[in-house]
Every structure is written in C-alpha cells, then in structure tokens.
N, C-alpha and C. Protein backbone atom coordinates (compact mmCIF):
# COMPACT_ATOMS: atom_id res chain seq x y z
N UNK A 1 51.37 136.57 72.63
CA UNK A 1 52.08 135.74 71.66
C UNK A 1 51.28 135.73 70.37
N UNK A 2 51.95 135.92 69.23
CA UNK A 2 51.23 135.89 67.95
C UNK A 2 50.53 134.55 67.73
N UNK A 3 49.42 134.60 67.03
CA UNK A 3 48.63 133.39 66.80
C UNK A 3 49.42 132.32 66.06
N UNK A 4 50.31 132.73 65.16
CA UNK A 4 51.08 131.75 64.40
C UNK A 4 52.05 130.98 65.29
N UNK A 5 52.36 131.52 66.45
CA UNK A 5 53.28 130.85 67.37
C UNK A 5 52.56 130.22 68.56
N UNK A 6 51.26 130.16 68.52
CA UNK A 6 50.50 129.67 69.68
C UNK A 6 50.66 128.16 69.90
N UNK A 7 51.12 127.43 68.91
CA UNK A 7 51.25 125.98 69.04
C UNK A 7 52.63 125.53 69.54
N UNK A 8 53.51 126.45 69.84
CA UNK A 8 54.84 126.07 70.28
C UNK A 8 55.00 126.33 71.78
N UNK A 9 55.96 125.68 72.38
CA UNK A 9 56.19 125.84 73.81
C UNK A 9 56.88 127.18 74.07
N UNK A 10 56.90 127.58 75.33
CA UNK A 10 57.54 128.84 75.69
C UNK A 10 59.05 128.76 75.45
N UNK A 11 59.63 127.61 75.61
CA UNK A 11 61.06 127.44 75.35
C UNK A 11 61.36 127.66 73.87
N UNK A 12 60.55 127.07 73.00
CA UNK A 12 60.73 127.25 71.56
C UNK A 12 60.52 128.72 71.18
N UNK A 13 59.54 129.36 71.82
CA UNK A 13 59.29 130.77 71.55
C UNK A 13 60.51 131.61 71.91
N UNK A 14 61.14 131.31 73.04
CA UNK A 14 62.34 132.05 73.45
C UNK A 14 63.47 131.84 72.44
N UNK A 15 63.62 130.65 71.91
CA UNK A 15 64.63 130.40 70.88
C UNK A 15 64.37 131.26 69.65
N UNK A 16 63.10 131.39 69.27
CA UNK A 16 62.75 132.22 68.11
C UNK A 16 63.11 133.67 68.38
N UNK A 17 62.75 134.17 69.55
CA UNK A 17 63.03 135.57 69.90
C UNK A 17 64.53 135.83 69.95
N UNK A 18 65.28 134.97 70.59
CA UNK A 18 66.73 135.15 70.69
C UNK A 18 67.38 135.10 69.31
N UNK A 19 66.92 134.20 68.46
CA UNK A 19 67.45 134.10 67.11
C UNK A 19 67.19 135.39 66.34
N UNK A 20 65.99 135.94 66.47
CA UNK A 20 65.66 137.19 65.79
C UNK A 20 66.51 138.35 66.31
N UNK A 21 66.73 138.40 67.62
CA UNK A 21 67.57 139.46 68.18
C UNK A 21 69.01 139.33 67.71
N UNK A 22 69.50 138.10 67.62
CA UNK A 22 70.86 137.89 67.12
C UNK A 22 71.00 138.32 65.67
N UNK A 23 70.00 138.02 64.87
CA UNK A 23 70.01 138.41 63.47
C UNK A 23 69.98 139.94 63.35
N UNK A 24 69.17 140.60 64.18
CA UNK A 24 69.08 142.05 64.17
C UNK A 24 70.42 142.66 64.59
N UNK A 25 71.04 142.09 65.60
CA UNK A 25 72.34 142.60 66.06
C UNK A 25 73.37 142.53 64.95
N UNK A 26 73.44 141.41 64.27
CA UNK A 26 74.40 141.27 63.16
C UNK A 26 74.10 142.25 62.03
N UNK A 27 72.83 142.45 61.74
CA UNK A 27 72.45 143.40 60.70
C UNK A 27 72.87 144.81 61.07
N UNK A 28 72.61 145.21 62.31
CA UNK A 28 72.98 146.56 62.74
C UNK A 28 74.49 146.75 62.77
N UNK A 29 75.23 145.73 63.16
CA UNK A 29 76.69 145.82 63.12
C UNK A 29 77.18 146.00 61.70
N UNK A 30 76.59 145.28 60.77
CA UNK A 30 76.95 145.41 59.36
C UNK A 30 76.65 146.81 58.84
N UNK A 31 75.50 147.35 59.21
CA UNK A 31 75.11 148.68 58.75
C UNK A 31 76.06 149.74 59.29
N UNK A 32 76.42 149.66 60.55
CA UNK A 32 77.34 150.63 61.14
C UNK A 32 78.72 150.54 60.47
N UNK A 33 79.20 149.33 60.25
CA UNK A 33 80.50 149.13 59.59
C UNK A 33 80.46 149.66 58.16
N UNK A 34 79.38 149.40 57.47
CA UNK A 34 79.23 149.85 56.10
C UNK A 34 79.16 151.37 56.02
N UNK A 35 78.51 152.01 56.96
CA UNK A 35 78.38 153.47 56.98
C UNK A 35 79.76 154.12 57.13
N UNK A 36 80.69 153.45 57.78
CA UNK A 36 82.03 153.98 57.98
C UNK A 36 82.88 153.93 56.71
N UNK A 37 82.48 153.12 55.73
CA UNK A 37 83.27 152.97 54.50
C UNK A 37 82.41 153.35 53.30
N UNK A 38 82.42 154.62 52.98
CA UNK A 38 81.58 155.13 51.89
C UNK A 38 81.98 154.56 50.54
N UNK A 39 83.25 154.18 50.38
CA UNK A 39 83.71 153.66 49.09
C UNK A 39 83.33 152.19 48.86
N UNK A 40 82.67 151.56 49.83
CA UNK A 40 82.21 150.18 49.67
C UNK A 40 81.11 150.14 48.61
N UNK A 41 81.18 149.22 47.66
CA UNK A 41 80.16 149.15 46.60
C UNK A 41 78.73 148.92 47.12
N UNK A 42 78.59 148.33 48.28
CA UNK A 42 77.26 148.07 48.83
C UNK A 42 76.66 149.30 49.52
N UNK A 43 77.44 150.34 49.69
CA UNK A 43 76.97 151.52 50.42
C UNK A 43 75.71 152.11 49.81
N UNK A 44 75.73 152.37 48.51
CA UNK A 44 74.57 152.98 47.85
C UNK A 44 73.35 152.07 47.88
N UNK A 45 73.56 150.80 47.78
CA UNK A 45 72.43 149.85 47.81
C UNK A 45 71.71 149.89 49.15
N UNK A 46 72.45 150.10 50.22
CA UNK A 46 71.87 150.09 51.55
C UNK A 46 71.31 151.46 51.93
N UNK A 47 72.09 152.51 51.72
CA UNK A 47 71.70 153.83 52.21
C UNK A 47 70.96 154.68 51.18
N UNK A 48 71.01 154.32 49.92
CA UNK A 48 70.27 155.01 48.87
C UNK A 48 69.57 153.98 47.99
N UNK A 49 68.66 153.20 48.57
CA UNK A 49 68.04 152.11 47.81
C UNK A 49 67.16 152.61 46.67
N UNK A 50 67.13 151.86 45.60
CA UNK A 50 66.31 152.16 44.44
C UNK A 50 65.12 151.21 44.38
N UNK A 51 64.27 151.44 43.44
CA UNK A 51 63.16 150.53 43.13
C UNK A 51 62.14 150.40 44.25
N UNK A 52 61.86 151.50 44.93
CA UNK A 52 60.88 151.46 46.01
C UNK A 52 59.50 151.04 45.50
N UNK A 53 59.15 151.48 44.30
CA UNK A 53 57.85 151.12 43.72
C UNK A 53 57.76 149.62 43.43
N UNK A 54 58.88 149.02 43.04
CA UNK A 54 58.90 147.59 42.73
C UNK A 54 58.49 146.77 43.95
N UNK A 55 59.02 147.12 45.11
CA UNK A 55 58.72 146.37 46.32
C UNK A 55 57.28 146.57 46.77
N UNK A 56 56.72 147.73 46.49
CA UNK A 56 55.34 147.98 46.87
C UNK A 56 54.36 147.22 46.00
N UNK A 57 54.67 147.06 44.73
CA UNK A 57 53.76 146.42 43.79
C UNK A 57 53.88 144.90 43.79
N UNK A 58 55.08 144.39 43.89
CA UNK A 58 55.32 142.96 43.77
C UNK A 58 55.72 142.39 45.14
N UNK A 59 54.82 141.69 45.76
CA UNK A 59 55.06 141.14 47.10
C UNK A 59 56.04 139.97 47.09
N UNK A 60 56.31 139.41 45.90
CA UNK A 60 57.24 138.27 45.82
C UNK A 60 58.69 138.71 45.80
N UNK A 61 58.96 139.98 45.52
CA UNK A 61 60.34 140.47 45.51
C UNK A 61 60.86 140.58 46.94
N UNK A 62 62.06 140.11 47.16
CA UNK A 62 62.68 140.22 48.47
C UNK A 62 63.28 141.61 48.59
N UNK A 63 62.88 142.33 49.61
CA UNK A 63 63.37 143.70 49.80
C UNK A 63 64.84 143.68 50.16
N UNK A 64 65.53 144.71 49.71
CA UNK A 64 66.96 144.82 50.02
C UNK A 64 67.14 145.15 51.50
N UNK A 65 68.35 145.00 51.98
CA UNK A 65 68.64 145.26 53.40
C UNK A 65 68.34 146.71 53.75
N UNK A 66 68.50 147.61 52.80
CA UNK A 66 68.19 149.02 53.04
C UNK A 66 66.71 149.26 53.31
N UNK A 67 65.84 148.56 52.57
CA UNK A 67 64.40 148.71 52.79
C UNK A 67 63.93 147.97 54.03
N UNK A 68 64.45 146.76 54.24
CA UNK A 68 64.00 145.97 55.38
C UNK A 68 64.36 146.62 56.71
N UNK A 69 65.47 147.35 56.72
CA UNK A 69 65.95 147.94 57.97
C UNK A 69 65.97 149.46 57.94
N UNK A 70 65.12 150.06 57.13
CA UNK A 70 65.09 151.51 56.99
C UNK A 70 64.82 152.19 58.33
N UNK A 71 63.91 151.66 59.11
CA UNK A 71 63.60 152.26 60.40
C UNK A 71 64.82 152.24 61.32
N UNK A 72 65.51 151.12 61.35
CA UNK A 72 66.70 151.01 62.20
C UNK A 72 67.81 151.94 61.71
N UNK A 73 67.99 152.02 60.41
CA UNK A 73 69.01 152.91 59.86
C UNK A 73 68.71 154.36 60.23
N UNK A 74 67.45 154.76 60.09
CA UNK A 74 67.06 156.12 60.45
C UNK A 74 67.26 156.37 61.94
N UNK A 75 66.91 155.39 62.76
CA UNK A 75 67.07 155.54 64.21
C UNK A 75 68.54 155.68 64.60
N UNK A 76 69.39 154.90 63.98
CA UNK A 76 70.82 154.95 64.31
C UNK A 76 71.43 156.30 63.98
N UNK A 77 71.09 156.82 62.81
CA UNK A 77 71.77 158.03 62.33
C UNK A 77 71.01 159.31 62.61
N UNK A 78 69.90 159.26 63.34
CA UNK A 78 69.25 160.48 63.80
C UNK A 78 69.35 160.60 65.32
N UNK A 79 70.00 159.63 65.95
CA UNK A 79 70.17 159.65 67.41
C UNK A 79 71.11 160.79 67.78
N UNK A 80 70.74 161.54 68.80
CA UNK A 80 71.55 162.67 69.27
C UNK A 80 71.95 162.44 70.73
N UNK A 81 73.19 162.78 71.03
CA UNK A 81 73.64 162.74 72.42
C UNK A 81 73.33 164.10 73.06
N UNK A 82 72.75 164.07 74.22
CA UNK A 82 72.44 165.34 74.90
C UNK A 82 73.23 165.45 76.15
C-alpha cells in the first residue's frame, strides 16, 4: 500500500481502488467511442495532442486526456488478435 494511503482502513482503500478503476473504464470507453468518429472535434486533441513540451516544463498545467492516457491509447490500438 502506498505510504500516502497508510492511514486509511482497508475498506476505504478498496473504495479508492474501485473508484479509480471506474474512472479508467469510463475514460477507455470514451476513447474507443471517439476513435470511431474521426469527424469529432475532440479527435485531434486526444489522438494527436500538441504542446508536449508545455506539460514537461510546467507541472501546474493539467495534461490533456490524450497525454494522461497515452499508454492506454497505445495499448488499445496496437493490440493484435492471433
């Protein structure tokens, strides 16, 4: 268990984990739906994000959904069925 969560009970920890998994599920559903509609204005923001240097230099900037979930996006669209 991470040190920042060491003061909470196991029940509270499970609530945190489940909440994070639910948030990830919703994010991945949004990404898959967005990938199906290329004409959506948000498509380029998610799949072709700009300002990568801005996020590296300024820690106060909130990263876009494309940067925060880049690993998941890459995993989804490089998966191969064998």
